N, C-alpha and C. Protein backbone atom coordinates (compact mmCIF):
# COMPACT_ATOMS: atom_id res chain seq x y z
N MET A 1 27.03 -9.65 -10.76
CA MET A 1 26.03 -9.29 -9.75
C MET A 1 26.73 -8.95 -8.44
N VAL A 2 26.23 -7.93 -7.77
CA VAL A 2 26.78 -7.51 -6.48
C VAL A 2 26.63 -8.68 -5.49
N PRO A 3 27.67 -8.98 -4.73
CA PRO A 3 27.62 -10.14 -3.82
C PRO A 3 26.44 -10.11 -2.85
N GLU A 4 26.07 -8.92 -2.35
CA GLU A 4 24.94 -8.83 -1.40
C GLU A 4 23.63 -9.22 -2.07
N ILE A 5 23.49 -8.83 -3.34
CA ILE A 5 22.27 -9.19 -4.06
C ILE A 5 22.23 -10.69 -4.30
N GLN A 6 23.36 -11.27 -4.62
CA GLN A 6 23.43 -12.72 -4.82
C GLN A 6 23.07 -13.46 -3.53
N THR A 7 23.58 -12.97 -2.42
CA THR A 7 23.26 -13.58 -1.12
C THR A 7 21.76 -13.46 -0.85
N ALA A 8 21.20 -12.27 -1.09
CA ALA A 8 19.77 -12.07 -0.88
C ALA A 8 18.96 -13.00 -1.78
N GLN A 9 19.38 -13.12 -3.02
CA GLN A 9 18.66 -14.00 -3.95
C GLN A 9 18.71 -15.45 -3.49
N ASP A 10 19.83 -15.85 -2.92
CA ASP A 10 19.97 -17.23 -2.45
C ASP A 10 19.09 -17.53 -1.25
N ILE A 11 18.97 -16.55 -0.34
CA ILE A 11 18.22 -16.83 0.89
C ILE A 11 16.77 -16.33 0.86
N TRP A 12 16.42 -15.49 -0.13
CA TRP A 12 15.09 -14.90 -0.14
C TRP A 12 13.95 -15.92 -0.15
N PRO A 13 14.05 -16.99 -0.92
CA PRO A 13 12.93 -17.96 -0.90
C PRO A 13 12.57 -18.44 0.51
N GLU A 14 13.56 -18.53 1.38
CA GLU A 14 13.29 -18.96 2.76
C GLU A 14 12.72 -17.82 3.60
N LEU A 15 13.08 -16.58 3.28
CA LEU A 15 12.62 -15.44 4.07
C LEU A 15 11.30 -14.83 3.58
N ALA A 16 10.96 -15.07 2.33
CA ALA A 16 9.79 -14.41 1.74
C ALA A 16 8.49 -14.72 2.48
N SER A 17 8.41 -15.86 3.11
CA SER A 17 7.19 -16.20 3.86
C SER A 17 7.19 -15.55 5.24
N ILE A 18 8.32 -14.96 5.63
CA ILE A 18 8.43 -14.33 6.94
C ILE A 18 8.40 -12.81 6.84
N VAL A 19 9.13 -12.26 5.87
CA VAL A 19 9.21 -10.82 5.69
C VAL A 19 8.54 -10.47 4.36
N PHE A 20 7.42 -9.75 4.44
CA PHE A 20 6.64 -9.43 3.24
C PHE A 20 5.81 -8.18 3.51
N VAL A 21 5.34 -7.58 2.45
CA VAL A 21 4.47 -6.42 2.57
C VAL A 21 3.06 -6.92 2.86
N PRO A 22 2.48 -6.54 4.00
CA PRO A 22 1.13 -7.01 4.33
C PRO A 22 0.08 -6.33 3.44
N ARG A 23 -0.79 -7.15 2.89
CA ARG A 23 -1.85 -6.63 2.02
C ARG A 23 -3.24 -6.95 2.56
N THR A 24 -3.30 -7.81 3.55
CA THR A 24 -4.58 -8.20 4.14
C THR A 24 -4.47 -8.14 5.66
N GLU A 25 -5.59 -8.22 6.32
CA GLU A 25 -5.61 -8.24 7.79
C GLU A 25 -4.87 -9.47 8.32
N THR A 26 -4.99 -10.59 7.61
CA THR A 26 -4.28 -11.81 8.00
C THR A 26 -2.77 -11.61 7.92
N ASP A 27 -2.31 -10.99 6.83
CA ASP A 27 -0.88 -10.68 6.70
C ASP A 27 -0.42 -9.79 7.85
N TYR A 28 -1.24 -8.78 8.14
CA TYR A 28 -0.92 -7.84 9.21
C TYR A 28 -0.79 -8.57 10.55
N ARG A 29 -1.71 -9.46 10.84
CA ARG A 29 -1.65 -10.21 12.11
C ARG A 29 -0.42 -11.11 12.15
N ARG A 30 -0.08 -11.72 11.01
CA ARG A 30 1.11 -12.58 10.97
C ARG A 30 2.37 -11.77 11.29
N LEU A 31 2.48 -10.59 10.66
CA LEU A 31 3.65 -9.76 10.93
C LEU A 31 3.65 -9.24 12.37
N SER A 32 2.49 -8.91 12.89
CA SER A 32 2.40 -8.44 14.28
C SER A 32 2.86 -9.53 15.24
N THR A 33 2.47 -10.76 14.97
CA THR A 33 2.90 -11.88 15.81
C THR A 33 4.41 -12.05 15.72
N LEU A 34 4.95 -11.96 14.50
CA LEU A 34 6.39 -12.07 14.32
C LEU A 34 7.11 -10.97 15.09
N ARG A 35 6.61 -9.73 14.98
CA ARG A 35 7.24 -8.62 15.71
C ARG A 35 7.22 -8.87 17.21
N ASP A 36 6.08 -9.35 17.73
CA ASP A 36 5.98 -9.62 19.17
C ASP A 36 6.96 -10.71 19.59
N GLU A 37 7.10 -11.74 18.77
CA GLU A 37 8.05 -12.81 19.09
C GLU A 37 9.49 -12.30 19.04
N LEU A 38 9.78 -11.44 18.07
CA LEU A 38 11.12 -10.85 17.99
C LEU A 38 11.39 -9.98 19.20
N LYS A 39 10.40 -9.20 19.65
CA LYS A 39 10.57 -8.36 20.84
C LYS A 39 10.89 -9.20 22.06
N THR A 40 10.18 -10.32 22.18
CA THR A 40 10.42 -11.21 23.31
C THR A 40 11.83 -11.80 23.24
N LEU A 41 12.23 -12.24 22.07
CA LEU A 41 13.54 -12.85 21.87
C LEU A 41 14.67 -11.84 22.09
N ILE A 42 14.51 -10.65 21.55
CA ILE A 42 15.56 -9.64 21.59
C ILE A 42 15.64 -8.96 22.95
N GLY A 43 14.49 -8.74 23.55
CA GLY A 43 14.46 -8.07 24.84
C GLY A 43 15.02 -6.66 24.75
N GLU A 44 15.90 -6.30 25.66
CA GLU A 44 16.49 -4.96 25.71
C GLU A 44 17.82 -4.89 24.97
N SER A 45 18.25 -5.97 24.38
CA SER A 45 19.55 -6.02 23.72
C SER A 45 19.55 -5.19 22.43
N GLU A 46 20.38 -4.16 22.41
CA GLU A 46 20.50 -3.34 21.21
C GLU A 46 21.46 -3.96 20.20
N ASN A 47 22.22 -4.95 20.62
CA ASN A 47 23.22 -5.56 19.75
C ASN A 47 22.78 -6.93 19.22
N HIS A 48 21.56 -7.31 19.48
CA HIS A 48 21.08 -8.61 19.01
C HIS A 48 21.09 -8.60 17.48
N PRO A 49 21.47 -9.71 16.85
CA PRO A 49 21.55 -9.75 15.39
C PRO A 49 20.20 -9.59 14.68
N LEU A 50 19.09 -9.75 15.40
CA LEU A 50 17.77 -9.63 14.77
C LEU A 50 17.09 -8.28 15.00
N VAL A 51 17.80 -7.34 15.60
CA VAL A 51 17.22 -6.01 15.84
C VAL A 51 16.79 -5.38 14.52
N SER A 52 17.62 -5.46 13.51
CA SER A 52 17.31 -4.86 12.21
C SER A 52 16.07 -5.51 11.60
N LEU A 53 15.96 -6.82 11.73
CA LEU A 53 14.78 -7.52 11.22
C LEU A 53 13.53 -7.01 11.93
N MET A 54 13.61 -6.83 13.23
CA MET A 54 12.47 -6.32 13.99
C MET A 54 12.10 -4.92 13.51
N GLU A 55 13.09 -4.09 13.20
CA GLU A 55 12.82 -2.74 12.72
C GLU A 55 12.15 -2.77 11.34
N VAL A 56 12.60 -3.66 10.48
CA VAL A 56 12.00 -3.78 9.14
C VAL A 56 10.56 -4.25 9.27
N VAL A 57 10.31 -5.25 10.08
CA VAL A 57 8.95 -5.75 10.29
C VAL A 57 8.08 -4.64 10.88
N GLY A 58 8.63 -3.89 11.82
CA GLY A 58 7.89 -2.77 12.42
C GLY A 58 7.53 -1.72 11.38
N ALA A 59 8.45 -1.42 10.47
CA ALA A 59 8.18 -0.44 9.41
C ALA A 59 7.08 -0.93 8.47
N LEU A 60 7.09 -2.21 8.16
CA LEU A 60 6.04 -2.78 7.30
C LEU A 60 4.68 -2.70 7.98
N ILE A 61 4.66 -2.96 9.28
CA ILE A 61 3.41 -2.89 10.05
C ILE A 61 2.90 -1.45 10.09
N GLU A 62 3.80 -0.50 10.36
CA GLU A 62 3.40 0.91 10.42
C GLU A 62 2.85 1.39 9.08
N LYS A 63 3.46 0.97 7.99
CA LYS A 63 2.98 1.36 6.66
C LYS A 63 1.57 0.84 6.43
N TYR A 64 1.32 -0.41 6.78
CA TYR A 64 -0.01 -0.99 6.63
C TYR A 64 -1.03 -0.23 7.47
N GLU A 65 -0.69 0.05 8.73
CA GLU A 65 -1.60 0.77 9.61
C GLU A 65 -1.92 2.16 9.07
N SER A 66 -0.90 2.83 8.56
CA SER A 66 -1.09 4.16 7.99
C SER A 66 -2.03 4.12 6.79
N GLU A 67 -1.84 3.12 5.93
CA GLU A 67 -2.71 2.98 4.77
C GLU A 67 -4.14 2.68 5.18
N GLN A 68 -4.31 1.87 6.23
CA GLN A 68 -5.66 1.54 6.70
C GLN A 68 -6.33 2.76 7.29
N GLU A 69 -5.57 3.58 8.04
CA GLU A 69 -6.13 4.80 8.61
C GLU A 69 -6.56 5.76 7.51
N THR A 70 -5.74 5.88 6.47
CA THR A 70 -6.07 6.77 5.36
C THR A 70 -7.33 6.28 4.66
N GLU A 71 -7.42 4.99 4.42
CA GLU A 71 -8.60 4.41 3.77
C GLU A 71 -9.84 4.62 4.62
N GLU A 72 -9.71 4.41 5.93
CA GLU A 72 -10.84 4.60 6.83
C GLU A 72 -11.28 6.06 6.85
N ARG A 73 -10.31 6.98 6.87
CA ARG A 73 -10.62 8.41 6.87
C ARG A 73 -11.36 8.79 5.58
N GLU A 74 -10.90 8.26 4.45
CA GLU A 74 -11.55 8.56 3.17
C GLU A 74 -12.97 8.00 3.13
N THR A 75 -13.16 6.82 3.70
CA THR A 75 -14.49 6.22 3.75
C THR A 75 -15.42 7.08 4.59
N TRP A 76 -14.95 7.53 5.76
CA TRP A 76 -15.78 8.37 6.63
C TRP A 76 -16.08 9.71 5.98
N TYR A 77 -15.10 10.28 5.27
CA TYR A 77 -15.33 11.54 4.59
C TYR A 77 -16.40 11.38 3.51
N SER A 78 -16.28 10.32 2.73
CA SER A 78 -17.26 10.06 1.67
C SER A 78 -18.66 9.87 2.27
N PHE A 79 -18.75 9.10 3.33
CA PHE A 79 -20.03 8.87 4.00
C PHE A 79 -20.60 10.18 4.54
N SER A 80 -19.74 10.99 5.15
CA SER A 80 -20.19 12.28 5.69
C SER A 80 -20.74 13.18 4.60
N MET A 81 -20.04 13.22 3.47
CA MET A 81 -20.50 14.07 2.37
C MET A 81 -21.83 13.56 1.81
N GLN A 82 -22.02 12.26 1.74
CA GLN A 82 -23.29 11.70 1.27
C GLN A 82 -24.43 12.08 2.21
N MET A 83 -24.19 11.97 3.51
CA MET A 83 -25.23 12.30 4.49
C MET A 83 -25.51 13.79 4.49
N LEU A 84 -24.49 14.61 4.31
CA LEU A 84 -24.69 16.06 4.23
C LEU A 84 -25.52 16.41 3.00
N ALA A 85 -25.23 15.76 1.88
CA ALA A 85 -25.99 16.01 0.65
C ALA A 85 -27.45 15.61 0.83
N ARG A 86 -27.69 14.54 1.58
CA ARG A 86 -29.07 14.11 1.83
C ARG A 86 -29.79 15.06 2.77
N ALA A 87 -29.04 15.74 3.63
CA ALA A 87 -29.65 16.62 4.62
C ALA A 87 -30.14 17.93 4.02
N TYR A 88 -29.53 18.37 2.93
CA TYR A 88 -29.88 19.64 2.32
C TYR A 88 -30.27 19.44 0.87
N ASP A 89 -31.39 20.01 0.52
CA ASP A 89 -31.88 19.95 -0.86
C ASP A 89 -31.10 20.94 -1.71
N GLU A 90 -31.08 20.71 -3.01
CA GLU A 90 -30.39 21.63 -3.91
C GLU A 90 -31.03 23.02 -3.88
N ASP A 91 -32.31 23.09 -3.57
CA ASP A 91 -33.01 24.37 -3.52
C ASP A 91 -32.99 24.99 -2.13
N GLU A 92 -32.16 24.45 -1.26
CA GLU A 92 -32.07 24.95 0.12
C GLU A 92 -31.62 26.41 0.09
N PRO A 93 -32.34 27.29 0.81
CA PRO A 93 -31.95 28.71 0.79
C PRO A 93 -30.68 28.94 1.61
N GLU A 94 -30.03 30.06 1.34
CA GLU A 94 -28.90 30.47 2.15
C GLU A 94 -29.45 31.07 3.43
N TYR A 95 -28.97 30.61 4.54
CA TYR A 95 -29.44 31.14 5.81
C TYR A 95 -28.48 32.22 6.29
N THR A 96 -29.05 33.32 6.73
CA THR A 96 -28.24 34.43 7.23
C THR A 96 -28.42 34.54 8.73
N THR A 97 -27.54 35.27 9.36
CA THR A 97 -27.61 35.39 10.82
C THR A 97 -28.87 36.12 11.28
N ASP A 98 -29.45 37.00 10.45
CA ASP A 98 -30.66 37.71 10.87
C ASP A 98 -31.88 36.79 10.89
N MET A 99 -31.74 35.58 10.37
CA MET A 99 -32.84 34.60 10.39
C MET A 99 -32.83 33.76 11.67
N LEU A 100 -31.80 33.93 12.49
CA LEU A 100 -31.67 33.14 13.70
C LEU A 100 -32.62 33.64 14.78
N LYS A 101 -33.10 32.72 15.61
CA LYS A 101 -33.96 33.11 16.72
C LYS A 101 -33.13 33.73 17.84
N TRP A 102 -31.92 33.25 18.03
CA TRP A 102 -31.00 33.84 18.97
C TRP A 102 -29.59 33.65 18.41
N VAL A 103 -28.71 34.52 18.81
CA VAL A 103 -27.35 34.52 18.30
C VAL A 103 -26.40 34.02 19.37
N ASN A 104 -25.52 33.18 18.97
CA ASN A 104 -24.49 32.67 19.87
C ASN A 104 -23.52 33.82 20.15
N PRO A 105 -23.38 34.23 21.40
CA PRO A 105 -22.51 35.38 21.71
C PRO A 105 -21.03 35.09 21.43
N ASP A 106 -20.66 33.83 21.36
CA ASP A 106 -19.26 33.47 21.11
C ASP A 106 -18.94 33.38 19.62
N TYR A 107 -19.96 33.48 18.77
CA TYR A 107 -19.76 33.37 17.33
C TYR A 107 -19.31 34.68 16.75
N GLU A 108 -18.22 34.63 15.97
CA GLU A 108 -17.75 35.84 15.30
C GLU A 108 -17.98 35.64 13.82
N GLU A 109 -18.86 36.46 13.27
CA GLU A 109 -19.21 36.35 11.85
C GLU A 109 -18.02 36.78 10.99
N GLU A 110 -17.77 36.02 9.93
CA GLU A 110 -16.71 36.38 8.99
C GLU A 110 -17.21 37.54 8.16
N ARG A 111 -16.35 38.47 7.92
CA ARG A 111 -16.73 39.64 7.12
C ARG A 111 -15.84 39.75 5.94
């Protein structure tokens, strides 16, 4: 076994409760608190031994936030499509510009 992997295997049980992939809001808050504490501890020091840990925790947090944004966007899209479907009946006629009472002068019709 590669020595680095052996070292990781030896210390991982102690680190697994600190560094993990967040799957819930509680996990996310725990990692956010850890990141904030690391920022306070590290300060402006670029050579602090925990800078890399802070970067890894930050990457895990960003991944979770990105996944949540994607999920939220998909939920809103689905909701919007449901409301749009409710707004128009299947027998809804096609509306043409000549049916309008007035025409928006800024509108350019696609041809």
